[in-house]
Amino acid sequence: MNNKPLLSKRYGALFATTLAAFATFMASPSAWSQSASWPAKPVRIIVPFAPGGTTDILARAMAPELSKAFGQPFVVENRAGAGGNIGADVVAKSAPDGYTLLMGTVGTHGINKSLYSKMSYDPQKDFAPITLVAGVPNVMVVNTEKAKAAGINNVADFIRVAKANPGKLNMASSGNGTSIHLAGELFKTMSGTYMTHFPYSGSGPALLALVGGDMDVMFDNLPSSMQLIKSGKLKALAVTSSERSAAVPDVPTVEQAGGPALKGFDASSWFGLLAPAGTPPDIVNRIQQESAKALNTPAIKEKLLAQGAIPSGNTPAQFTAFINAEHKKWAQVVKASGAKVD
């Protein structure tokens, strides 16, 4: 049997397919050429919350370091709303060319998928994780003057006052679905208290309301509350992590201060850089490497530690695994708290 015509057809089809693929490759910029020329213009870092919060603080700490490393401006842009979902969605739908990054959070990439009934982006499929920038504990803070007037000196006092006044204490947060919100919801569930939740567009506006006396309590990220605690405008009752923070060693954990009902309480936050899915791996790796270098410099490291943030700089693979684990953890917290956002 003569197979030559059949083989000829097969090789002809293979040649045509290869030629078409080569033509497509030549007609568009290749990944290596994109990576080699990147960055050729300014890079945006989208912060999905208002200025003044920890997400904004960390983005503005990283931006000048990355600008120096790559020779192009890294510009911070605040796009607040919907617990971080608006800003995250902007990045998810941006071109995967390395020119739009996200300072993501435990809210945008660990909590919101379980909290919101509808999401305009998928936190796992629509992003290329770059690096975990820092992890931070939250801190339970109250307005100093209002706490003094109410006789609140510690967590036990707060629980007593809250139980005596159900729904009358106002709890501020940086937005629905943030770790600040969920830490408060978890506290309410475990302590058997009820406070009225007021979501703001970020920690900055929420803290202004707390300092101004409109709000009574907030479970804020420690870095954004640190200066207000030091100045005496806010009183720190407890940190929400499983261990005390070296930045405020005299402040107990919620578990230590709250008694048996709050045993096992842990609701910490984290922040990391992400790019749209499909961003060339070489660009992702270069940003990670320069971020890790910056986070390891004494100036940045000491600055973050002093504010209660623990710098990281892990690899894209490590950050991806971390995000996947956080999804599972926070899904359980959301379910236990009963919190839901339509």
Protein backbone atom coordinates (compact mmCIF):
# COMPACT_ATOMS: atom_id res chain seq x y z
CA MET A 1 0.00 0.00 0.00
CA ASN A 2 1.35 3.41 -1.00
CA ASN A 3 1.24 5.94 1.92
CA LYS A 4 3.13 8.73 0.15
CA PRO A 5 0.08 10.83 -0.85
CA LEU A 6 -1.34 10.53 2.70
CA LEU A 7 1.99 11.49 4.29
CA SER A 8 2.34 14.35 1.84
CA LYS A 9 -1.05 15.71 2.84
CA ARG A 10 -0.20 15.42 6.54
CA TYR A 11 3.12 17.23 6.16
CA GLY A 12 1.48 19.84 3.92
CA ALA A 13 -1.16 20.54 6.59
CA LEU A 14 1.51 20.67 9.30
CA PHE A 15 3.59 23.09 7.22
CA ALA A 16 0.57 25.34 6.61
CA THR A 17 -0.29 25.40 10.34
CA THR A 18 3.31 26.19 11.28
CA LEU A 19 3.52 28.93 8.66
CA ALA A 20 0.28 30.52 9.94
CA ALA A 21 1.53 30.43 13.54
CA PHE A 22 4.83 32.00 12.48
CA ALA A 23 3.00 34.75 10.58
CA THR A 24 0.88 35.53 13.68
CA PHE A 25 4.01 35.57 15.83
CA MET A 26 5.73 38.02 13.48
CA ALA A 27 2.67 40.25 13.18
CA SER A 28 2.44 41.01 16.92
CA PRO A 29 5.06 41.91 19.54
CA SER A 30 6.51 38.82 21.13
CA ALA A 31 6.55 38.33 24.89
CA TRP A 32 10.31 38.67 25.01
CA SER A 33 10.30 41.98 23.12
CA GLN A 34 7.56 43.35 25.39
CA SER A 35 9.57 42.36 28.44
CA ALA A 36 12.82 43.75 27.03
CA SER A 37 11.34 47.19 26.36
CA TRP A 38 9.23 47.35 29.54
CA PRO A 39 8.77 49.83 31.08
CA ALA A 40 8.80 52.44 28.32
CA LYS A 41 6.22 54.69 30.02
CA PRO A 42 4.78 55.33 33.52
CA VAL A 43 3.22 52.43 35.43
CA ARG A 44 0.00 52.79 37.45
CA ILE A 45 -0.46 51.18 40.86
CA ILE A 46 -4.20 51.13 41.55
CA VAL A 47 -5.12 51.42 45.23
CA PRO A 48 -8.74 50.22 45.60
CA PHE A 49 -9.38 52.42 48.65
CA ALA A 50 -9.30 56.11 49.56
CA PRO A 51 -6.02 57.83 50.53
CA GLY A 52 -4.79 57.55 54.11
CA GLY A 53 -5.31 53.84 54.75
CA THR A 54 -2.71 51.08 54.98
CA THR A 55 -3.21 50.00 51.34
CA ASP A 56 -2.41 53.56 50.25
CA ILE A 57 0.52 53.87 52.71
CA LEU A 58 2.17 50.70 51.40
CA ALA A 59 1.61 51.58 47.73
CA ARG A 60 3.19 55.01 48.27
CA ALA A 61 6.12 53.41 50.09
CA MET A 62 6.75 51.01 47.19
CA ALA A 63 6.14 53.40 44.25
CA PRO A 64 9.33 55.51 44.58
CA GLU A 65 11.46 52.39 45.10
CA LEU A 66 10.12 50.80 41.91
CA SER A 67 10.51 54.11 40.07
CA LYS A 68 14.20 54.19 40.98
CA ALA A 69 14.68 50.54 40.05
CA PHE A 70 13.06 50.77 36.60
CA GLY A 71 13.68 54.38 35.57
CA GLN A 72 10.01 55.17 34.97
CA PRO A 73 7.43 56.75 37.30
CA PHE A 74 5.23 54.34 39.26
CA VAL A 75 2.12 56.43 39.95
CA VAL A 76 -0.39 55.62 42.69
CA GLU A 77 -4.04 56.03 41.67
CA ASN A 78 -6.88 55.68 44.21
CA ARG A 79 -10.05 54.01 42.85
CA ALA A 80 -12.18 53.40 45.94
CA GLY A 81 -15.54 51.70 46.38
CA ALA A 82 -17.39 48.41 46.95
CA GLY A 83 -14.90 47.04 49.47
CA GLY A 84 -12.05 47.34 46.98
CA ASN A 85 -13.94 45.67 44.12
CA ILE A 86 -14.08 48.76 41.89
CA GLY A 87 -10.32 49.28 41.82
CA ALA A 88 -9.61 45.57 41.51
CA ASP A 89 -12.01 45.31 38.58
CA VAL A 90 -10.17 48.14 36.78
CA VAL A 91 -6.94 46.14 36.95
CA ALA A 92 -8.59 42.82 36.07
CA LYS A 93 -9.88 44.36 32.83
CA SER A 94 -6.66 46.25 31.97
CA ALA A 95 -4.21 45.19 29.27
CA PRO A 96 -1.76 42.54 30.56
CA ASP A 97 1.26 44.61 29.57
CA GLY A 98 2.77 45.48 32.96
CA TYR A 99 1.55 49.08 32.96
CA THR A 100 -1.35 48.63 35.39
CA LEU A 101 -0.80 46.96 38.77
CA LEU A 102 -2.99 46.50 41.83
CA MET A 103 -2.13 46.84 45.48
CA GLY A 104 -4.49 44.04 46.42
CA THR A 105 -5.63 43.18 49.91
CA VAL A 106 -7.04 40.35 51.96
CA GLY A 107 -10.43 41.89 51.09
CA THR A 108 -10.08 42.01 47.31
CA HIS A 109 -8.35 38.64 47.05
CA GLY A 110 -9.21 36.67 50.17
CA ILE A 111 -12.64 37.74 51.45
CA ASN A 112 -14.85 39.35 48.81
CA LYS A 113 -15.47 36.25 46.71
CA SER A 114 -17.18 34.64 49.72
CA LEU A 115 -18.89 37.82 50.91
CA TYR A 116 -20.38 39.32 47.75
CA SER A 117 -23.24 37.54 45.96
CA LYS A 118 -22.02 38.99 42.64
CA MET A 119 -18.43 39.73 41.60
CA SER A 120 -17.32 41.49 38.41
CA TYR A 121 -13.91 39.79 38.53
CA ASP A 122 -12.44 36.48 39.69
CA PRO A 123 -9.66 37.14 42.23
CA GLN A 124 -7.86 33.92 41.29
CA LYS A 125 -8.36 33.63 37.52
CA ASP A 126 -8.13 37.30 36.49
CA PHE A 127 -4.79 38.18 38.14
CA ALA A 128 -1.12 37.28 38.05
CA PRO A 129 0.13 37.50 41.66
CA ILE A 130 3.50 39.27 41.92
CA THR A 131 4.45 39.43 45.59
CA LEU A 132 3.08 39.75 49.11
CA VAL A 133 4.24 43.20 50.26
CA ALA A 134 3.33 42.99 53.94
CA GLY A 135 1.10 41.39 56.54
CA VAL A 136 -0.37 43.43 59.40
CA PRO A 137 -2.56 42.82 62.43
CA ASN A 138 -5.72 44.86 62.82
CA VAL A 139 -6.23 46.83 66.00
CA MET A 140 -9.43 47.46 67.92
CA VAL A 141 -9.47 51.21 68.49
CA VAL A 142 -11.99 53.50 70.17
CA ASN A 143 -12.37 57.26 70.42
CA THR A 144 -10.33 58.13 73.52
CA GLU A 145 -12.68 60.77 74.95
CA LYS A 146 -15.86 58.79 74.31
CA ALA A 147 -14.30 55.66 75.82
CA LYS A 148 -13.27 57.60 78.92
CA ALA A 149 -16.79 59.01 79.32
CA ALA A 150 -18.30 55.53 78.99
CA GLY A 151 -15.80 53.93 81.38
CA ILE A 152 -14.19 51.78 78.68
CA ASN A 153 -10.59 50.90 79.55
CA ASN A 154 -10.31 47.43 77.98
CA VAL A 155 -12.12 44.86 75.83
CA ALA A 156 -14.14 43.52 78.76
CA ASP A 157 -15.44 47.04 79.48
CA PHE A 158 -16.33 47.51 75.82
CA ILE A 159 -18.30 44.26 75.73
CA ARG A 160 -20.17 45.27 78.89
CA VAL A 161 -21.14 48.67 77.44
CA ALA A 162 -22.05 47.18 74.04
CA LYS A 163 -24.32 44.54 75.60
CA ALA A 164 -26.02 47.21 77.69
CA ASN A 165 -26.61 49.33 74.57
CA PRO A 166 -27.33 46.95 71.66
CA GLY A 167 -27.14 48.71 68.29
CA LYS A 168 -26.29 52.09 69.84
CA LEU A 169 -22.52 51.86 69.32
CA ASN A 170 -21.33 52.68 65.80
CA MET A 171 -18.63 50.53 64.17
CA ALA A 172 -16.68 52.11 61.32
CA SER A 173 -14.90 50.17 58.58
CA SER A 174 -12.98 50.86 55.38
CA GLY A 175 -15.75 49.21 53.35
CA ASN A 176 -17.95 46.15 53.12
CA GLY A 177 -15.93 42.98 52.87
CA THR A 178 -12.63 44.36 54.10
CA SER A 179 -10.73 42.61 56.88
CA ILE A 180 -11.61 45.64 59.02
CA HIS A 181 -15.30 44.92 58.49
CA LEU A 182 -14.95 41.16 58.92
CA ALA A 183 -12.85 41.51 62.08
CA GLY A 184 -15.70 43.53 63.57
CA GLU A 185 -18.32 41.03 62.42
CA LEU A 186 -16.33 38.17 63.89
CA PHE A 187 -15.97 40.09 67.17
CA LYS A 188 -19.73 40.70 67.29
CA THR A 189 -20.49 37.02 66.66
CA MET A 190 -18.02 35.67 69.22
CA SER A 191 -18.69 38.26 71.94
CA GLY A 192 -22.47 38.27 71.57
CA THR A 193 -22.61 42.02 70.97
CA TYR A 194 -24.24 44.14 68.29
CA MET A 195 -22.89 47.40 66.87
CA THR A 196 -24.25 49.26 63.84
CA HIS A 197 -21.84 49.00 60.93
CA PHE A 198 -20.93 52.07 58.86
CA PRO A 199 -18.77 51.28 55.80
CA TYR A 200 -16.57 54.09 54.42
CA SER A 201 -14.52 54.25 51.20
CA GLY A 202 -11.27 53.58 53.05
CA SER A 203 -9.55 53.73 56.44
CA GLY A 204 -8.76 57.44 56.05
CA PRO A 205 -12.39 58.66 56.02
CA ALA A 206 -13.42 56.08 58.63
CA LEU A 207 -10.67 57.19 61.01
CA LEU A 208 -11.70 60.84 60.59
CA ALA A 209 -15.22 59.87 61.65
CA LEU A 210 -13.88 57.90 64.63
CA VAL A 211 -11.60 60.72 65.80
CA GLY A 212 -14.42 63.21 65.25
CA GLY A 213 -16.74 61.25 67.54
CA ASP A 214 -19.28 60.11 64.95
CA MET A 215 -18.09 56.51 65.35
CA ASP A 216 -17.31 54.52 68.50
CA VAL A 217 -15.06 51.65 67.41
CA MET A 218 -13.04 50.37 64.47
CA PHE A 219 -10.94 47.26 63.82
CA ASP A 220 -8.41 49.14 61.70
CA ASN A 221 -5.16 48.02 60.09
CA LEU A 222 -2.46 48.91 62.61
CA PRO A 223 -0.25 51.08 60.31
CA SER A 224 -3.01 53.57 59.50
CA SER A 225 -4.03 53.92 63.18
CA MET A 226 -0.53 54.00 64.65
CA GLN A 227 0.02 57.77 64.73
CA LEU A 228 -3.46 58.40 66.13
CA ILE A 229 -2.79 55.87 68.89
CA LYS A 230 0.55 57.49 69.68
CA SER A 231 -1.02 60.96 69.75
CA GLY A 232 -3.70 59.79 72.18
CA LYS A 233 -6.62 60.53 69.88
CA LEU A 234 -7.46 56.84 69.71
CA LYS A 235 -7.19 54.20 72.40
CA ALA A 236 -6.02 50.74 71.36
CA LEU A 237 -7.90 48.01 73.22
CA ALA A 238 -6.46 44.94 71.47
CA VAL A 239 -4.80 43.63 68.32
CA THR A 240 -6.71 41.08 66.25
CA SER A 241 -3.78 38.75 65.53
CA SER A 242 -3.04 35.54 67.44
CA GLU A 243 0.10 37.13 68.92
CA ARG A 244 0.94 40.61 70.18
CA SER A 245 2.52 43.07 67.78
CA ALA A 246 6.11 44.19 68.38
CA ALA A 247 5.02 47.69 67.29
CA VAL A 248 2.58 47.94 70.25
CA PRO A 249 3.84 45.30 72.70
CA ASP A 250 1.71 46.58 75.60
CA VAL A 251 -1.54 46.05 73.69
CA PRO A 252 -3.02 42.56 74.30
CA THR A 253 -4.62 40.34 71.66
CA VAL A 254 -8.42 40.17 71.47
CA GLU A 255 -8.20 36.60 72.78
CA GLN A 256 -6.08 37.65 75.76
CA ALA A 257 -8.30 40.60 76.62
CA GLY A 258 -11.70 39.13 75.83
CA GLY A 259 -11.81 35.96 77.86
CA PRO A 260 -13.07 32.47 76.92
CA ALA A 261 -15.74 33.70 74.48
CA LEU A 262 -13.03 35.14 72.20
CA LYS A 263 -10.64 32.18 72.34
CA GLY A 264 -9.02 31.60 68.93
CA PHE A 265 -9.88 35.06 67.58
CA ASP A 266 -7.57 35.91 64.63
CA ALA A 267 -8.36 38.37 61.84
CA SER A 268 -5.22 39.86 60.35
CA SER A 269 -4.70 41.69 57.05
CA TRP A 270 -2.26 41.54 54.15
CA PHE A 271 -1.38 43.55 51.06
CA GLY A 272 0.32 42.54 47.81
CA LEU A 273 1.05 43.54 44.23
CA LEU A 274 -0.83 41.86 41.39
CA ALA A 275 -1.02 42.31 37.62
CA PRO A 276 -3.75 41.35 35.14
CA ALA A 277 -3.74 37.68 34.14
CA GLY A 278 -1.61 37.11 31.05
CA THR A 279 1.08 39.64 31.97
CA PRO A 280 4.42 38.28 30.67
CA PRO A 281 6.10 36.20 33.40
CA ASP A 282 9.39 38.02 32.89
CA ILE A 283 7.76 41.36 33.80
CA VAL A 284 6.07 39.78 36.82
CA ASN A 285 9.37 38.29 37.99
CA ARG A 286 11.27 41.55 37.51
CA ILE A 287 8.74 43.49 39.60
CA GLN A 288 8.87 40.82 42.30
CA GLN A 289 12.66 40.86 42.45
CA GLU A 290 12.88 44.64 42.74
CA SER A 291 10.05 44.71 45.29
CA ALA A 292 11.84 42.11 47.42
CA LYS A 293 15.05 44.16 47.25
CA ALA A 294 13.21 47.31 48.34
CA LEU A 295 11.42 45.55 51.20
CA ASN A 296 14.75 44.23 52.44
CA THR A 297 16.46 47.63 52.60
CA PRO A 298 16.90 48.89 56.18
CA ALA A 299 15.01 52.14 55.49
CA ILE A 300 11.83 50.49 54.15
CA LYS A 301 12.00 47.50 56.48
CA GLU A 302 12.36 49.61 59.63
CA LYS A 303 9.66 52.03 58.48
CA LEU A 304 7.13 49.24 57.96
CA LEU A 305 8.00 47.36 61.15
CA ALA A 306 7.64 50.58 63.17
CA GLN A 307 4.09 50.90 61.85
CA GLY A 308 3.22 47.30 62.66
CA ALA A 309 3.59 45.88 59.14
CA ILE A 310 5.73 42.80 58.53
CA PRO A 311 7.42 43.03 55.08
CA SER A 312 7.51 39.98 52.82
CA GLY A 313 8.55 40.05 49.13
CA ASN A 314 7.81 36.37 48.42
CA THR A 315 7.80 34.83 44.94
CA PRO A 316 4.81 34.81 42.55
CA ALA A 317 4.35 31.07 43.13
CA GLN A 318 4.42 31.51 46.91
CA PHE A 319 2.00 34.43 46.74
CA THR A 320 -0.38 32.42 44.54
CA ALA A 321 -0.41 29.55 47.05
CA PHE A 322 -0.95 32.04 49.88
CA ILE A 323 -3.96 33.61 48.14
CA ASN A 324 -5.52 30.18 47.54
CA ALA A 325 -5.12 29.33 51.22
CA GLU A 326 -6.62 32.68 52.26
CA HIS A 327 -9.73 31.99 50.16
CA LYS A 328 -10.40 28.83 52.15
CA LYS A 329 -9.71 30.49 55.52
CA TRP A 330 -11.89 33.54 54.98
CA ALA A 331 -14.75 31.56 53.44
CA GLN A 332 -15.07 29.87 56.84
CA VAL A 333 -14.91 33.21 58.67
CA VAL A 334 -17.57 34.76 56.43
CA LYS A 335 -19.83 31.73 56.93
CA ALA A 336 -19.36 31.80 60.71
CA SER A 337 -20.02 35.54 60.94
CA GLY A 338 -23.13 35.39 58.76
CA ALA A 339 -21.97 38.49 56.86
CA LYS A 340 -23.20 38.95 53.28
CA VAL A 341 -23.22 41.80 50.77
CA ASP A 342 -25.70 41.84 47.86
